[in-house]
Amino acid sequence: IVWVLAADKIRRTFIPDEGVPIRSLSVAPDARTLACANNEGMCYVWRLGEGVYEAAQKIQSHGAYVLRCLFSPESKHLATASADHTTK
């Protein structure tokens, strides 16, 4: 869910896979990209803009649930760590 804090309103709800819990969410430092990863090892990436939320990628990143997804400081790379004992 993306909130407009000043108005205390929901702007957008992201539901990549109905019924599959999201384990981690990361917004790139440049605020142009959002990524989340779930219990099935999937990672989803959206491009963000002023009122625009464009689905960019769906990645089968791991064979087990993702523990964390995180963007690099320059917003060019996304790293994931998983319960399958791998980092990508």
N, C-alpha and C. Protein backbone atom coordinates (compact mmCIF):
# COMPACT_ATOMS: atom_id res chain seq x y z
N ILE A 1 0.86 -1.18 0.00
CA ILE A 1 0.00 0.00 0.00
C ILE A 1 0.90 1.23 0.00
N VAL A 2 0.59 2.18 -0.87
CA VAL A 2 1.29 3.46 -0.88
C VAL A 2 0.34 4.49 -0.28
N TRP A 3 0.80 5.13 0.78
CA TRP A 3 -0.01 6.11 1.49
C TRP A 3 0.40 7.53 1.12
N VAL A 4 -0.58 8.43 1.06
CA VAL A 4 -0.32 9.87 0.99
C VAL A 4 -0.42 10.33 2.44
N LEU A 5 0.72 10.50 3.07
CA LEU A 5 0.74 10.74 4.52
C LEU A 5 0.04 12.04 4.90
N ALA A 6 0.25 13.09 4.14
CA ALA A 6 -0.35 14.39 4.48
C ALA A 6 -1.88 14.32 4.46
N ALA A 7 -2.43 13.48 3.59
CA ALA A 7 -3.89 13.38 3.49
C ALA A 7 -4.44 12.16 4.23
N ASP A 8 -3.55 11.30 4.77
CA ASP A 8 -3.94 10.08 5.44
C ASP A 8 -4.86 9.24 4.56
N LYS A 9 -4.45 9.07 3.28
CA LYS A 9 -5.23 8.33 2.32
C LYS A 9 -4.34 7.32 1.59
N ILE A 10 -4.96 6.25 1.13
CA ILE A 10 -4.25 5.26 0.32
C ILE A 10 -4.23 5.75 -1.12
N ARG A 11 -3.02 5.76 -1.72
CA ARG A 11 -2.89 6.16 -3.12
C ARG A 11 -2.94 4.95 -4.03
N ARG A 12 -2.31 3.86 -3.61
CA ARG A 12 -2.22 2.68 -4.47
C ARG A 12 -1.99 1.43 -3.62
N THR A 13 -2.60 0.32 -3.99
CA THR A 13 -2.37 -0.96 -3.34
C THR A 13 -1.75 -1.91 -4.36
N PHE A 14 -0.62 -2.51 -4.00
CA PHE A 14 0.06 -3.48 -4.85
C PHE A 14 -0.24 -4.88 -4.34
N ILE A 15 -0.78 -5.74 -5.20
CA ILE A 15 -1.03 -7.14 -4.83
C ILE A 15 -0.46 -7.99 -5.96
N PRO A 16 0.84 -8.32 -5.89
CA PRO A 16 1.45 -9.06 -6.99
C PRO A 16 0.93 -10.49 -7.14
N ASP A 17 0.78 -11.22 -6.06
CA ASP A 17 0.24 -12.59 -6.08
C ASP A 17 -0.78 -12.70 -4.95
N GLU A 18 -2.03 -12.77 -5.31
CA GLU A 18 -3.12 -12.87 -4.33
C GLU A 18 -2.88 -14.03 -3.38
N GLY A 19 -2.90 -13.76 -2.08
CA GLY A 19 -2.77 -14.80 -1.08
C GLY A 19 -1.35 -15.21 -0.72
N VAL A 20 -0.34 -14.59 -1.36
CA VAL A 20 1.05 -14.92 -1.06
C VAL A 20 1.67 -13.74 -0.32
N PRO A 21 2.10 -13.94 0.93
CA PRO A 21 2.63 -12.83 1.73
C PRO A 21 3.92 -12.24 1.16
N ILE A 22 4.00 -10.91 1.23
CA ILE A 22 5.22 -10.18 0.88
C ILE A 22 6.15 -10.25 2.09
N ARG A 23 7.42 -10.57 1.86
CA ARG A 23 8.39 -10.69 2.95
C ARG A 23 9.29 -9.46 3.06
N SER A 24 9.50 -8.75 1.95
CA SER A 24 10.40 -7.60 1.96
C SER A 24 9.98 -6.61 0.89
N LEU A 25 10.21 -5.34 1.17
CA LEU A 25 9.89 -4.26 0.23
C LEU A 25 11.02 -3.25 0.29
N SER A 26 11.40 -2.71 -0.87
CA SER A 26 12.46 -1.72 -0.92
C SER A 26 12.12 -0.66 -1.97
N VAL A 27 12.35 0.60 -1.63
CA VAL A 27 12.22 1.70 -2.58
C VAL A 27 13.63 2.17 -2.88
N ALA A 28 13.94 2.30 -4.17
CA ALA A 28 15.27 2.74 -4.58
C ALA A 28 15.55 4.13 -4.02
N PRO A 29 16.81 4.41 -3.70
CA PRO A 29 17.16 5.73 -3.15
C PRO A 29 16.75 6.91 -4.05
N ASP A 30 16.69 6.69 -5.37
CA ASP A 30 16.26 7.77 -6.26
C ASP A 30 14.73 7.88 -6.35
N ALA A 31 14.02 7.01 -5.62
CA ALA A 31 12.55 7.00 -5.52
C ALA A 31 11.85 6.74 -6.86
N ARG A 32 12.56 6.16 -7.82
CA ARG A 32 11.97 5.88 -9.13
C ARG A 32 11.55 4.43 -9.32
N THR A 33 11.92 3.55 -8.38
CA THR A 33 11.64 2.13 -8.51
C THR A 33 11.29 1.54 -7.14
N LEU A 34 10.33 0.61 -7.15
CA LEU A 34 9.93 -0.12 -5.95
C LEU A 34 10.07 -1.60 -6.25
N ALA A 35 10.57 -2.37 -5.30
CA ALA A 35 10.66 -3.83 -5.45
C ALA A 35 10.10 -4.49 -4.21
N CYS A 36 9.49 -5.66 -4.40
CA CYS A 36 9.06 -6.46 -3.26
C CYS A 36 9.31 -7.92 -3.60
N ALA A 37 9.45 -8.73 -2.56
CA ALA A 37 9.71 -10.16 -2.74
C ALA A 37 8.83 -10.93 -1.77
N ASN A 38 8.47 -12.16 -2.18
CA ASN A 38 7.46 -12.88 -1.40
C ASN A 38 7.92 -14.24 -0.88
N ASN A 39 6.97 -14.94 -0.29
CA ASN A 39 7.20 -16.26 0.33
C ASN A 39 7.51 -17.35 -0.68
N GLU A 40 7.29 -17.11 -1.96
CA GLU A 40 7.53 -18.13 -2.98
C GLU A 40 8.80 -17.85 -3.79
N GLY A 41 9.62 -16.90 -3.34
CA GLY A 41 10.87 -16.59 -4.03
C GLY A 41 10.73 -15.66 -5.21
N MET A 42 9.57 -15.08 -5.40
CA MET A 42 9.34 -14.16 -6.52
C MET A 42 9.69 -12.73 -6.11
N CYS A 43 10.23 -11.99 -7.06
CA CYS A 43 10.55 -10.58 -6.85
C CYS A 43 9.83 -9.77 -7.92
N TYR A 44 9.19 -8.70 -7.53
CA TYR A 44 8.42 -7.84 -8.44
C TYR A 44 9.01 -6.44 -8.40
N VAL A 45 9.11 -5.82 -9.57
CA VAL A 45 9.69 -4.48 -9.67
C VAL A 45 8.69 -3.57 -10.39
N TRP A 46 8.48 -2.37 -9.84
CA TRP A 46 7.62 -1.36 -10.45
C TRP A 46 8.40 -0.07 -10.66
N ARG A 47 8.12 0.61 -11.77
CA ARG A 47 8.63 1.96 -11.99
C ARG A 47 7.63 2.93 -11.37
N LEU A 48 8.16 3.89 -10.65
CA LEU A 48 7.31 4.87 -9.97
C LEU A 48 7.49 6.23 -10.62
N GLY A 49 6.41 6.96 -10.69
CA GLY A 49 6.44 8.33 -11.19
C GLY A 49 5.33 9.11 -10.53
N GLU A 50 5.14 10.32 -10.93
CA GLU A 50 4.08 11.15 -10.36
C GLU A 50 2.73 10.55 -10.72
N GLY A 51 2.16 9.77 -9.81
CA GLY A 51 0.87 9.13 -10.04
C GLY A 51 0.94 7.92 -10.96
N VAL A 52 2.15 7.49 -11.34
CA VAL A 52 2.32 6.36 -12.26
C VAL A 52 2.99 5.21 -11.54
N TYR A 53 2.43 4.01 -11.68
CA TYR A 53 2.99 2.81 -11.10
C TYR A 53 2.98 1.75 -12.18
N GLU A 54 4.10 1.58 -12.86
CA GLU A 54 4.18 0.69 -14.00
C GLU A 54 4.91 -0.60 -13.62
N ALA A 55 4.24 -1.75 -13.79
CA ALA A 55 4.89 -3.04 -13.53
C ALA A 55 6.02 -3.21 -14.52
N ALA A 56 7.23 -3.46 -14.02
CA ALA A 56 8.40 -3.55 -14.89
C ALA A 56 8.89 -4.98 -15.06
N GLN A 57 9.00 -5.73 -13.96
CA GLN A 57 9.55 -7.08 -14.03
C GLN A 57 8.96 -7.99 -12.97
N LYS A 58 8.90 -9.26 -13.32
CA LYS A 58 8.54 -10.33 -12.39
C LYS A 58 9.67 -11.35 -12.51
N ILE A 59 10.38 -11.59 -11.41
CA ILE A 59 11.59 -12.42 -11.44
C ILE A 59 11.45 -13.58 -10.46
N GLN A 60 11.64 -14.81 -10.95
CA GLN A 60 11.72 -15.96 -10.05
C GLN A 60 13.14 -15.96 -9.51
N SER A 61 13.34 -15.31 -8.37
CA SER A 61 14.69 -15.06 -7.89
C SER A 61 15.26 -16.19 -7.03
N HIS A 62 14.40 -16.94 -6.35
CA HIS A 62 14.90 -17.98 -5.43
C HIS A 62 13.95 -19.17 -5.37
N GLY A 63 14.48 -20.28 -4.86
CA GLY A 63 13.68 -21.49 -4.70
C GLY A 63 12.98 -21.58 -3.36
N ALA A 64 13.23 -20.63 -2.48
CA ALA A 64 12.57 -20.56 -1.17
C ALA A 64 12.17 -19.11 -0.92
N TYR A 65 11.57 -18.85 0.22
CA TYR A 65 11.11 -17.49 0.48
C TYR A 65 12.28 -16.51 0.58
N VAL A 66 11.99 -15.29 0.16
CA VAL A 66 13.00 -14.24 0.18
C VAL A 66 13.00 -13.59 1.56
N LEU A 67 14.17 -13.43 2.12
CA LEU A 67 14.31 -12.77 3.41
C LEU A 67 14.36 -11.26 3.27
N ARG A 68 15.04 -10.78 2.20
CA ARG A 68 15.22 -9.34 2.06
C ARG A 68 15.52 -8.98 0.62
N CYS A 69 15.01 -7.86 0.17
CA CYS A 69 15.42 -7.27 -1.11
C CYS A 69 15.83 -5.83 -0.80
N LEU A 70 16.87 -5.38 -1.48
CA LEU A 70 17.42 -4.05 -1.18
C LEU A 70 18.13 -3.49 -2.40
N PHE A 71 17.88 -2.21 -2.69
CA PHE A 71 18.55 -1.51 -3.78
C PHE A 71 19.91 -1.00 -3.34
N SER A 72 20.82 -0.91 -4.31
CA SER A 72 22.13 -0.33 -4.05
C SER A 72 21.98 1.19 -3.90
N PRO A 73 22.95 1.85 -3.28
CA PRO A 73 22.85 3.31 -3.05
C PRO A 73 22.64 4.13 -4.31
N GLU A 74 23.18 3.68 -5.46
CA GLU A 74 23.00 4.44 -6.70
C GLU A 74 21.74 4.02 -7.48
N SER A 75 20.94 3.11 -6.90
CA SER A 75 19.66 2.65 -7.46
C SER A 75 19.81 1.83 -8.73
N LYS A 76 20.99 1.31 -9.03
CA LYS A 76 21.21 0.57 -10.27
C LYS A 76 21.12 -0.94 -10.10
N HIS A 77 21.23 -1.43 -8.87
CA HIS A 77 21.23 -2.87 -8.63
C HIS A 77 20.24 -3.22 -7.52
N LEU A 78 19.67 -4.42 -7.63
CA LEU A 78 18.77 -4.94 -6.61
C LEU A 78 19.34 -6.27 -6.12
N ALA A 79 19.51 -6.42 -4.84
CA ALA A 79 20.02 -7.66 -4.25
C ALA A 79 18.90 -8.33 -3.46
N THR A 80 18.91 -9.68 -3.49
CA THR A 80 17.95 -10.44 -2.70
C THR A 80 18.71 -11.50 -1.90
N ALA A 81 18.20 -11.82 -0.74
CA ALA A 81 18.73 -12.90 0.09
C ALA A 81 17.56 -13.81 0.43
N SER A 82 17.84 -15.13 0.47
CA SER A 82 16.76 -16.09 0.60
C SER A 82 17.03 -17.17 1.62
N ALA A 83 15.96 -17.83 2.03
CA ALA A 83 16.07 -18.99 2.92
C ALA A 83 16.68 -20.19 2.20
N ASP A 84 16.89 -20.09 0.88
CA ASP A 84 17.58 -21.16 0.17
C ASP A 84 19.11 -21.02 0.28
N HIS A 85 19.56 -20.11 1.16
CA HIS A 85 20.97 -19.89 1.46
C HIS A 85 21.75 -19.24 0.31
N THR A 86 21.05 -18.48 -0.55
CA THR A 86 21.72 -17.77 -1.63
C THR A 86 21.41 -16.29 -1.58
N THR A 87 22.31 -15.53 -2.16
CA THR A 87 22.12 -14.09 -2.35
C THR A 87 22.30 -13.84 -3.84
N LYS A 88 21.42 -13.06 -4.41
CA LYS A 88 21.50 -12.76 -5.84
C LYS A 88 21.36 -11.27 -6.07
